[in-house]
Amino acid sequence: MSLSCDQLDSMLPDLFSGDLHAADEEAAAEHLATCNHCRVTVSDLELVGDLGRRHGKLELLPIEAKVRIRALLEES
């Protein structure tokens, strides 16, 4: 199963929480192996999550906020 960037994006909450089904996890891994943009996004989100856990002050943005921010950045 080949995923688009948008499909992977919608799976990120489950990916980070470990709630993806095995087939979806495999599809996500395959997409990340070939898509630098999504690899960078996932890496950045992991870093933010790590900072939040270490400092107890940061939380990941809800996926809806991330999508809105990305759309605004692409418009400019």
C-alpha atoms as a PDB file:
ATOM      1  CA  MET A   1       0.000   0.000   0.000  1.00  0.00           C
ATOM      2  CA  SER A   2       1.501   3.293  -1.096  1.00  0.00           C
ATOM      3  CA  LEU A   3       0.691   6.347   1.025  1.00  0.00           C
ATOM      4  CA  SER A   4       0.535   9.973   0.004  1.00  0.00           C
ATOM      5  CA  CYS A   5       1.975  12.663   2.253  1.00  0.00           C
ATOM      6  CA  ASP A   6      -1.560  13.683   3.269  1.00  0.00           C
ATOM      7  CA  GLN A   7      -2.423  10.110   4.211  1.00  0.00           C
ATOM      8  CA  LEU A   8       0.702   9.810   6.330  1.00  0.00           C
ATOM      9  CA  ASP A   9      -0.035  13.180   7.900  1.00  0.00           C
ATOM     10  CA  SER A  10      -3.460  11.969   9.021  1.00  0.00           C
ATOM     11  CA  MET A  11      -1.824   8.899  10.592  1.00  0.00           C
ATOM     12  CA  LEU A  12       0.734  10.826  12.665  1.00  0.00           C
ATOM     13  CA  PRO A  13      -1.216  10.841  15.944  1.00  0.00           C
ATOM     14  CA  ASP A  14      -1.585   7.050  15.821  1.00  0.00           C
ATOM     15  CA  LEU A  15       2.011   6.661  14.655  1.00  0.00           C
ATOM     16  CA  PHE A  16       3.313   8.596  17.665  1.00  0.00           C
ATOM     17  CA  SER A  17       0.999   6.865  20.123  1.00  0.00           C
ATOM     18  CA  GLY A  18       1.863   3.406  18.781  1.00  0.00           C
ATOM     19  CA  ASP A  19      -1.746   2.714  17.843  1.00  0.00           C
ATOM     20  CA  LEU A  20      -1.245   1.970  14.130  1.00  0.00           C
ATOM     21  CA  HIS A  21      -2.201  -1.431  12.802  1.00  0.00           C
ATOM     22  CA  ALA A  22       0.784  -3.437  11.531  1.00  0.00           C
ATOM     23  CA  ALA A  23      -0.128  -2.898   7.855  1.00  0.00           C
ATOM     24  CA  ASP A  24      -0.456   0.873   8.357  1.00  0.00           C
ATOM     25  CA  GLU A  25       2.814   0.979  10.291  1.00  0.00           C
ATOM     26  CA  GLU A  26       4.551  -0.827   7.438  1.00  0.00           C
ATOM     27  CA  ALA A  27       3.017   1.532   4.856  1.00  0.00           C
ATOM     28  CA  ALA A  28       4.123   4.535   6.927  1.00  0.00           C
ATOM     29  CA  ALA A  29       7.668   3.157   7.163  1.00  0.00           C
ATOM     30  CA  GLU A  30       7.750   2.585   3.392  1.00  0.00           C
ATOM     31  CA  HIS A  31       6.578   6.147   2.736  1.00  0.00           C
ATOM     32  CA  LEU A  32       9.094   7.607   5.167  1.00  0.00           C
ATOM     33  CA  ALA A  33      11.877   5.653   3.466  1.00  0.00           C
ATOM     34  CA  THR A  34      11.182   7.491   0.203  1.00  0.00           C
ATOM     35  CA  CYS A  35       9.870  10.918   1.268  1.00  0.00           C
ATOM     36  CA  ASN A  36      12.354  13.373   2.718  1.00  0.00           C
ATOM     37  CA  HIS A  37       9.649  15.964   3.453  1.00  0.00           C
ATOM     38  CA  CYS A  38       7.707  13.551   5.677  1.00  0.00           C
ATOM     39  CA  ARG A  39      10.895  12.238   7.310  1.00  0.00           C
ATOM     40  CA  VAL A  40      11.808  15.799   8.295  1.00  0.00           C
ATOM     41  CA  THR A  41       8.276  16.434   9.573  1.00  0.00           C
ATOM     42  CA  VAL A  42       8.288  13.272  11.701  1.00  0.00           C
ATOM     43  CA  SER A  43      11.776  14.032  12.980  1.00  0.00           C
ATOM     44  CA  ASP A  44      10.780  17.577  13.942  1.00  0.00           C
ATOM     45  CA  LEU A  45       7.664  16.356  15.735  1.00  0.00           C
ATOM     46  CA  GLU A  46       9.712  13.751  17.603  1.00  0.00           C
ATOM     47  CA  LEU A  47      12.136  16.466  18.736  1.00  0.00           C
ATOM     48  CA  VAL A  48       9.303  18.690  19.944  1.00  0.00           C
ATOM     49  CA  GLY A  49       7.761  15.747  21.789  1.00  0.00           C
ATOM     50  CA  ASP A  50      11.097  14.897  23.410  1.00  0.00           C
ATOM     51  CA  LEU A  51      11.546  18.496  24.537  1.00  0.00           C
ATOM     52  CA  GLY A  52       8.053  18.549  25.972  1.00  0.00           C
ATOM     53  CA  ARG A  53       8.590  15.348  27.907  1.00  0.00           C
ATOM     54  CA  ARG A  54      11.940  16.523  29.253  1.00  0.00           C
ATOM     55  CA  HIS A  55      10.789  19.984  30.241  1.00  0.00           C
ATOM     56  CA  GLY A  56       7.148  19.283  30.951  1.00  0.00           C
ATOM     57  CA  LYS A  57       6.104  22.542  29.367  1.00  0.00           C
ATOM     58  CA  LEU A  58       5.656  21.716  25.693  1.00  0.00           C
ATOM     59  CA  GLU A  59       3.009  19.598  24.037  1.00  0.00           C
ATOM     60  CA  LEU A  60       2.602  18.545  20.446  1.00  0.00           C
ATOM     61  CA  LEU A  61       0.171  20.681  18.508  1.00  0.00           C
ATOM     62  CA  PRO A  62      -3.082  19.021  17.581  1.00  0.00           C
ATOM     63  CA  ILE A  63      -2.826  17.704  14.026  1.00  0.00           C
ATOM     64  CA  GLU A  64      -5.492  20.196  12.899  1.00  0.00           C
ATOM     65  CA  ALA A  65      -3.303  23.090  14.023  1.00  0.00           C
ATOM     66  CA  LYS A  66      -0.304  21.613  12.229  1.00  0.00           C
ATOM     67  CA  VAL A  67      -2.319  21.307   9.013  1.00  0.00           C
ATOM     68  CA  ARG A  68      -3.516  24.935   9.278  1.00  0.00           C
ATOM     69  CA  ILE A  69       0.025  26.199   9.929  1.00  0.00           C
ATOM     70  CA  ARG A  70       1.386  24.200   6.976  1.00  0.00           C
ATOM     71  CA  ALA A  71      -1.346  25.618   4.697  1.00  0.00           C
ATOM     72  CA  LEU A  72      -0.575  29.170   5.799  1.00  0.00           C
ATOM     73  CA  LEU A  73       3.142  28.660   5.194  1.00  0.00           C
ATOM     74  CA  GLU A  74       2.510  27.239   1.742  1.00  0.00           C
ATOM     75  CA  GLU A  75       0.325  30.257   0.854  1.00  0.00           C
ATOM     76  CA  SER A  76       3.114  32.714   1.623  1.00  0.00           C
END
